[in-house]
Amino acid sequence: MAEDSTYESMLCVKPEVHVYRIPPRASNRGYRAADWKLDEPAWSGRMKITAKAKMAYIKLEDKNTGELFAQAPVEQYPGLAVESVTDSSRYFVIRIEDGNGRHAFIGLGFADRGDSFDFNVALQDHFKWVKQEGELAKMEASQITAPKLDLSFKEGQTIKIHIGNIKKKDTAAAKPKPVVGGLLPPPPGGAKVGGIVPPPGGAQATPSINTNTDTLLDFGSMVPAPQSSSDIWGDFTSAGSNSSKDAVKSGWVQFS
């Protein structure tokens, strides 16, 4: 809400209110609506509550023509301009002014309790906003007057930033080793496959096939098959013995 003297906002409108002449206050105990002639209001019409800057205005107008009957400027609430009665929540005492310095106190009543509740809340909300605006203005003023903290570098001033050693990961160790000959590497621990130690290099030996049919038919003599030059298995001997005699007796053939 901007504090513009030409801007007036509407806070509350009630189509029917009643105005009463009230007797002078006899003591400091407060006003009582029961002392008024509630069945004989002095005036009935429409009520508006408007706000201009920090001030609120209770305006009593004619229902048909909108002519102003009376106006009560409210500087704070609760305050002297608006006061509740002690015996009802539907009646208030307001202080009206004519603009020439003269004022008077009149009774204001609502036919419905909901209307009196809205009247009360509209004034409370407005002056709550006024209080918040005042506190914000004080905070801004204190920030302007407070000395500003200078965090800029002075001439020749430097700072040092220490960054710890960053260890690079060994990416070469993470790369998988290539497989020789398209075969998988031997199992861990050097386990034997089928009871035979695989040859170095992972190459698979292919036994040579004797195509000489005469040798196959000659059961009396065991002629060793010619060894291929590409055979990398080496010499076989009989298990548990290194002598050639044991090899012949056991049926194993020694390659030379």
Protein backbone atom coordinates (compact mmCIF):
# COMPACT_ATOMS: atom_id res chain seq x y z
CA MET A 1 0.00 0.00 0.00
CA ALA A 2 1.71 3.13 -1.21
CA GLU A 3 1.74 6.18 1.03
CA ASP A 4 0.09 8.49 -1.52
CA SER A 5 -2.12 11.29 -0.21
CA THR A 6 -4.34 11.05 -3.31
CA TYR A 7 -4.87 7.28 -3.07
CA GLU A 8 -7.69 5.97 -0.90
CA SER A 9 -8.35 2.25 -0.49
CA MET A 10 -11.58 0.58 0.58
CA LEU A 11 -11.35 -1.64 3.67
CA CYS A 12 -14.95 -2.50 4.51
CA VAL A 13 -18.54 -1.69 3.42
CA LYS A 14 -21.71 -2.43 5.38
CA PRO A 15 -25.09 -1.54 3.84
CA GLU A 16 -26.96 -0.94 7.12
CA VAL A 17 -25.83 0.60 10.40
CA HIS A 18 -27.59 2.62 13.08
CA VAL A 19 -26.49 5.77 14.90
CA TYR A 20 -27.56 6.59 18.48
CA ARG A 21 -27.35 9.62 20.73
CA ILE A 22 -25.52 8.62 23.85
CA PRO A 23 -25.58 10.25 27.28
CA PRO A 24 -22.36 11.66 28.72
CA ARG A 25 -20.15 9.15 30.44
CA ALA A 26 -20.86 9.21 34.15
CA SER A 27 -17.73 7.36 35.22
CA ASN A 28 -14.62 5.65 33.88
CA ARG A 29 -16.25 2.23 33.79
CA GLY A 30 -17.07 2.50 30.07
CA TYR A 31 -20.15 2.84 27.89
CA ARG A 32 -23.17 0.54 28.05
CA ALA A 33 -25.45 0.02 25.06
CA ALA A 34 -28.34 -0.77 27.39
CA ASP A 35 -28.40 2.93 28.41
CA TRP A 36 -29.21 3.94 24.83
CA LYS A 37 -32.62 3.90 23.19
CA LEU A 38 -31.80 1.01 20.86
CA ASP A 39 -35.29 0.86 19.35
CA GLU A 40 -35.09 4.55 18.35
CA PRO A 41 -31.90 5.14 16.32
CA ALA A 42 -31.13 8.75 15.44
CA TRP A 43 -29.99 7.82 11.94
CA SER A 44 -29.67 4.71 9.70
CA GLY A 45 -27.60 4.35 6.58
CA ARG A 46 -24.47 2.83 5.00
CA MET A 47 -21.01 2.63 6.50
CA LYS A 48 -17.63 2.57 4.72
CA ILE A 49 -14.14 2.20 6.10
CA THR A 50 -11.42 3.67 3.88
CA ALA A 51 -7.68 4.09 4.32
CA LYS A 52 -5.40 6.86 3.09
CA ALA A 53 -1.74 6.37 3.96
CA LYS A 54 -1.65 5.50 7.69
CA MET A 55 -5.06 6.95 8.52
CA ALA A 56 -8.39 5.09 8.46
CA TYR A 57 -11.77 6.81 8.06
CA ILE A 58 -15.20 5.61 9.17
CA LYS A 59 -17.72 7.24 6.83
CA LEU A 60 -21.49 7.24 7.37
CA GLU A 61 -23.37 7.86 4.12
CA ASP A 62 -26.94 7.95 2.88
CA LYS A 63 -28.03 4.64 1.33
CA ASN A 64 -29.57 6.20 -1.75
CA THR A 65 -27.67 9.40 -2.49
CA GLY A 66 -24.27 8.61 -0.92
CA GLU A 67 -24.29 11.96 0.88
CA LEU A 68 -21.86 12.05 3.80
CA PHE A 69 -23.60 12.18 7.17
CA ALA A 70 -20.57 12.02 9.49
CA GLN A 71 -16.92 10.96 9.40
CA ALA A 72 -14.62 9.61 12.12
CA PRO A 73 -10.87 9.73 11.37
CA VAL A 74 -9.02 6.88 13.14
CA GLU A 75 -5.33 7.35 13.86
CA GLN A 76 -4.89 4.15 15.90
CA TYR A 77 -6.98 1.18 16.97
CA PRO A 78 -7.87 0.51 19.71
CA GLY A 79 -7.89 4.18 20.70
CA LEU A 80 -10.06 7.17 21.54
CA ALA A 81 -11.64 7.29 18.06
CA VAL A 82 -13.29 3.84 18.37
CA GLU A 83 -14.29 2.23 21.66
CA SER A 84 -16.28 -0.94 22.36
CA VAL A 85 -19.16 -0.99 24.84
CA THR A 86 -19.01 -3.19 27.89
CA ASP A 87 -22.27 -5.11 27.42
CA SER A 88 -22.40 -6.04 23.70
CA SER A 89 -20.19 -6.86 20.72
CA ARG A 90 -22.50 -5.21 18.16
CA TYR A 91 -22.17 -1.64 19.44
CA PHE A 92 -19.32 0.88 19.48
CA VAL A 93 -18.73 4.51 20.39
CA ILE A 94 -16.98 6.55 17.68
CA ARG A 95 -15.59 10.07 17.70
CA ILE A 96 -16.81 12.06 14.69
CA GLU A 97 -15.32 15.37 13.46
CA ASP A 98 -16.70 18.06 11.17
CA GLY A 99 -13.34 19.29 9.83
CA ASN A 100 -13.54 22.59 11.70
CA GLY A 101 -12.10 21.33 14.98
CA ARG A 102 -15.40 20.27 16.50
CA HIS A 103 -16.08 16.67 17.49
CA ALA A 104 -18.76 14.56 19.17
CA PHE A 105 -19.24 10.98 20.41
CA ILE A 106 -22.05 8.91 18.95
CA GLY A 107 -23.16 5.30 19.26
CA LEU A 108 -22.76 2.98 16.25
CA GLY A 109 -24.68 -0.31 16.09
CA PHE A 110 -24.88 -3.25 13.67
CA ALA A 111 -27.94 -5.43 13.13
CA ASP A 112 -25.79 -8.54 12.65
CA ARG A 113 -22.86 -9.78 14.71
CA GLY A 114 -20.99 -10.78 11.55
CA ASP A 115 -21.03 -7.14 10.38
CA SER A 116 -19.57 -5.95 13.69
CA PHE A 117 -16.90 -8.64 13.44
CA ASP A 118 -15.90 -7.46 9.94
CA PHE A 119 -15.79 -3.86 11.19
CA ASN A 120 -13.41 -4.85 13.98
CA VAL A 121 -11.14 -6.99 11.77
CA ALA A 122 -10.85 -4.34 9.03
CA LEU A 123 -9.49 -1.79 11.51
CA GLN A 124 -7.15 -4.32 13.15
CA ASP A 125 -5.65 -5.44 9.82
CA HIS A 126 -5.03 -1.89 8.66
CA PHE A 127 -3.16 -0.80 11.79
CA LYS A 128 -1.23 -4.09 11.88
CA TRP A 129 0.04 -3.20 8.41
CA VAL A 130 0.90 0.32 9.61
CA LYS A 131 2.95 -1.15 12.46
CA GLN A 132 4.84 -3.49 10.13
CA GLU A 133 5.61 -0.67 7.72
CA GLY A 134 6.98 1.41 10.58
CA GLU A 135 9.27 -1.41 11.74
CA LEU A 136 10.58 -1.97 8.20
CA ALA A 137 11.30 1.74 7.83
CA LYS A 138 13.29 1.71 11.07
CA MET A 139 15.33 -1.29 9.95
CA GLU A 140 16.15 0.35 6.62
CA ALA A 141 17.18 3.55 8.36
CA SER A 142 19.46 1.67 10.74
CA GLN A 143 21.10 -0.18 7.85
CA ILE A 144 21.79 3.07 6.02
CA THR A 145 23.39 4.74 9.04
CA ALA A 146 25.43 1.66 10.06
CA PRO A 147 29.04 1.61 8.73
CA LYS A 148 29.59 -0.75 5.85
CA LEU A 149 32.08 -3.57 6.23
CA ASP A 150 34.93 -3.22 3.73
CA LEU A 151 35.93 -6.67 2.45
CA SER A 152 37.93 -5.50 -0.57
CA PHE A 153 41.66 -6.27 -0.98
CA LYS A 154 44.07 -3.57 -0.04
CA GLU A 155 46.86 -2.60 -2.39
CA GLY A 156 49.51 -5.34 -2.50
CA GLN A 157 47.44 -7.73 -0.41
CA THR A 158 47.27 -11.33 -1.62
CA ILE A 159 45.89 -14.62 -0.44
CA LYS A 160 47.23 -18.14 -0.70
CA ILE A 161 45.16 -21.20 -1.43
CA HIS A 162 46.65 -24.60 -0.54
CA ILE A 163 45.45 -27.53 -2.59
CA GLY A 164 46.55 -31.00 -1.47
CA ASN A 165 48.25 -33.54 -3.73
CA ILE A 166 45.77 -35.14 -6.05
CA LYS A 167 46.68 -38.75 -6.88
CA LYS A 168 45.82 -39.81 -10.36
CA LYS A 169 44.39 -43.22 -10.78
CA ASP A 170 46.46 -45.74 -12.71
CA THR A 171 44.31 -46.14 -15.73
CA ALA A 172 46.73 -48.59 -17.35
CA ALA A 173 46.24 -51.12 -14.57
CA ALA A 174 42.50 -51.02 -15.06
CA LYS A 175 42.72 -52.00 -18.73
CA PRO A 176 42.05 -55.71 -19.40
CA LYS A 177 44.94 -57.77 -20.67
CA PRO A 178 44.57 -58.97 -24.25
CA VAL A 179 43.91 -62.66 -24.76
CA VAL A 180 46.58 -64.51 -26.80
CA GLY A 181 45.27 -66.52 -29.68
CA GLY A 182 41.67 -65.78 -28.86
CA LEU A 183 41.71 -68.20 -25.87
CA LEU A 184 40.97 -67.45 -22.26
CA PRO A 185 43.95 -67.26 -19.85
CA PRO A 186 44.72 -70.30 -17.69
CA PRO A 187 42.80 -70.64 -14.42
CA PRO A 188 44.38 -69.09 -11.32
CA GLY A 189 46.90 -71.14 -9.35
CA GLY A 190 48.16 -72.95 -12.42
CA ALA A 191 45.50 -75.68 -12.15
CA LYS A 192 45.84 -78.52 -14.63
CA VAL A 193 43.20 -78.94 -17.28
CA GLY A 194 42.36 -82.59 -17.79
CA GLY A 195 45.51 -83.67 -15.92
CA ILE A 196 47.83 -82.05 -18.52
CA VAL A 197 49.64 -78.77 -18.08
CA PRO A 198 48.79 -76.49 -21.02
CA PRO A 199 51.70 -75.38 -23.18
CA PRO A 200 53.11 -71.89 -22.83
CA GLY A 201 51.54 -69.14 -24.90
CA GLY A 202 48.07 -70.65 -24.66
CA ALA A 203 48.36 -72.35 -28.08
CA GLN A 204 46.38 -75.54 -28.50
CA ALA A 205 48.32 -78.59 -29.74
CA THR A 206 46.74 -80.63 -32.42
CA PRO A 207 47.97 -84.25 -32.52
CA SER A 208 49.17 -85.44 -35.87
CA ILE A 209 47.11 -88.12 -37.54
CA ASN A 210 48.87 -91.04 -39.18
CA THR A 211 47.33 -91.64 -42.56
CA ASN A 212 49.56 -94.65 -43.37
CA THR A 213 47.16 -97.59 -43.50
CA ASP A 214 50.04 -100.10 -43.50
CA THR A 215 51.19 -98.94 -40.12
CA LEU A 216 47.64 -99.20 -38.74
CA LEU A 217 47.41 -102.85 -39.94
CA ASP A 218 50.80 -103.82 -38.53
CA PHE A 219 49.94 -104.67 -34.91
CA GLY A 220 53.27 -106.38 -34.27
CA SER A 221 55.37 -103.30 -34.35
CA MET A 222 54.58 -99.96 -32.86
CA VAL A 223 56.07 -97.39 -35.23
CA PRO A 224 55.92 -93.88 -33.94
CA ALA A 225 54.10 -91.39 -36.09
CA PRO A 226 56.21 -88.74 -37.66
CA GLN A 227 56.32 -85.66 -35.48
CA SER A 228 55.26 -82.42 -37.00
CA SER A 229 57.78 -79.65 -36.97
CA SER A 230 55.15 -77.38 -35.50
CA ASP A 231 54.64 -79.62 -32.48
CA ILE A 232 55.54 -77.64 -29.37
CA TRP A 233 54.61 -80.23 -26.75
CA GLY A 234 58.13 -81.63 -26.31
CA ASP A 235 58.99 -85.20 -25.27
CA PHE A 236 56.56 -87.46 -23.51
CA THR A 237 57.85 -90.11 -21.11
CA SER A 238 56.13 -92.68 -19.02
CA ALA A 239 54.55 -91.42 -15.82
CA GLY A 240 56.82 -91.89 -12.81
CA SER A 241 59.92 -93.04 -14.78
CA ASN A 242 62.55 -91.41 -16.99
CA SER A 243 64.12 -94.61 -18.51
CA SER A 244 63.42 -95.71 -22.06
CA LYS A 245 62.97 -99.30 -20.94
CA ASP A 246 60.02 -98.46 -18.74
CA ALA A 247 58.59 -96.52 -21.61
CA VAL A 248 58.72 -99.51 -23.94
CA LYS A 249 57.24 -101.90 -21.34
CA SER A 250 54.38 -99.63 -20.49
CA GLY A 251 53.41 -99.12 -24.05
CA TRP A 252 54.48 -95.49 -24.20
CA VAL A 253 56.60 -94.35 -27.11
CA GLN A 254 59.44 -91.97 -26.50
CA PHE A 255 59.82 -89.16 -28.94
CA SER A 256 63.31 -87.98 -29.81
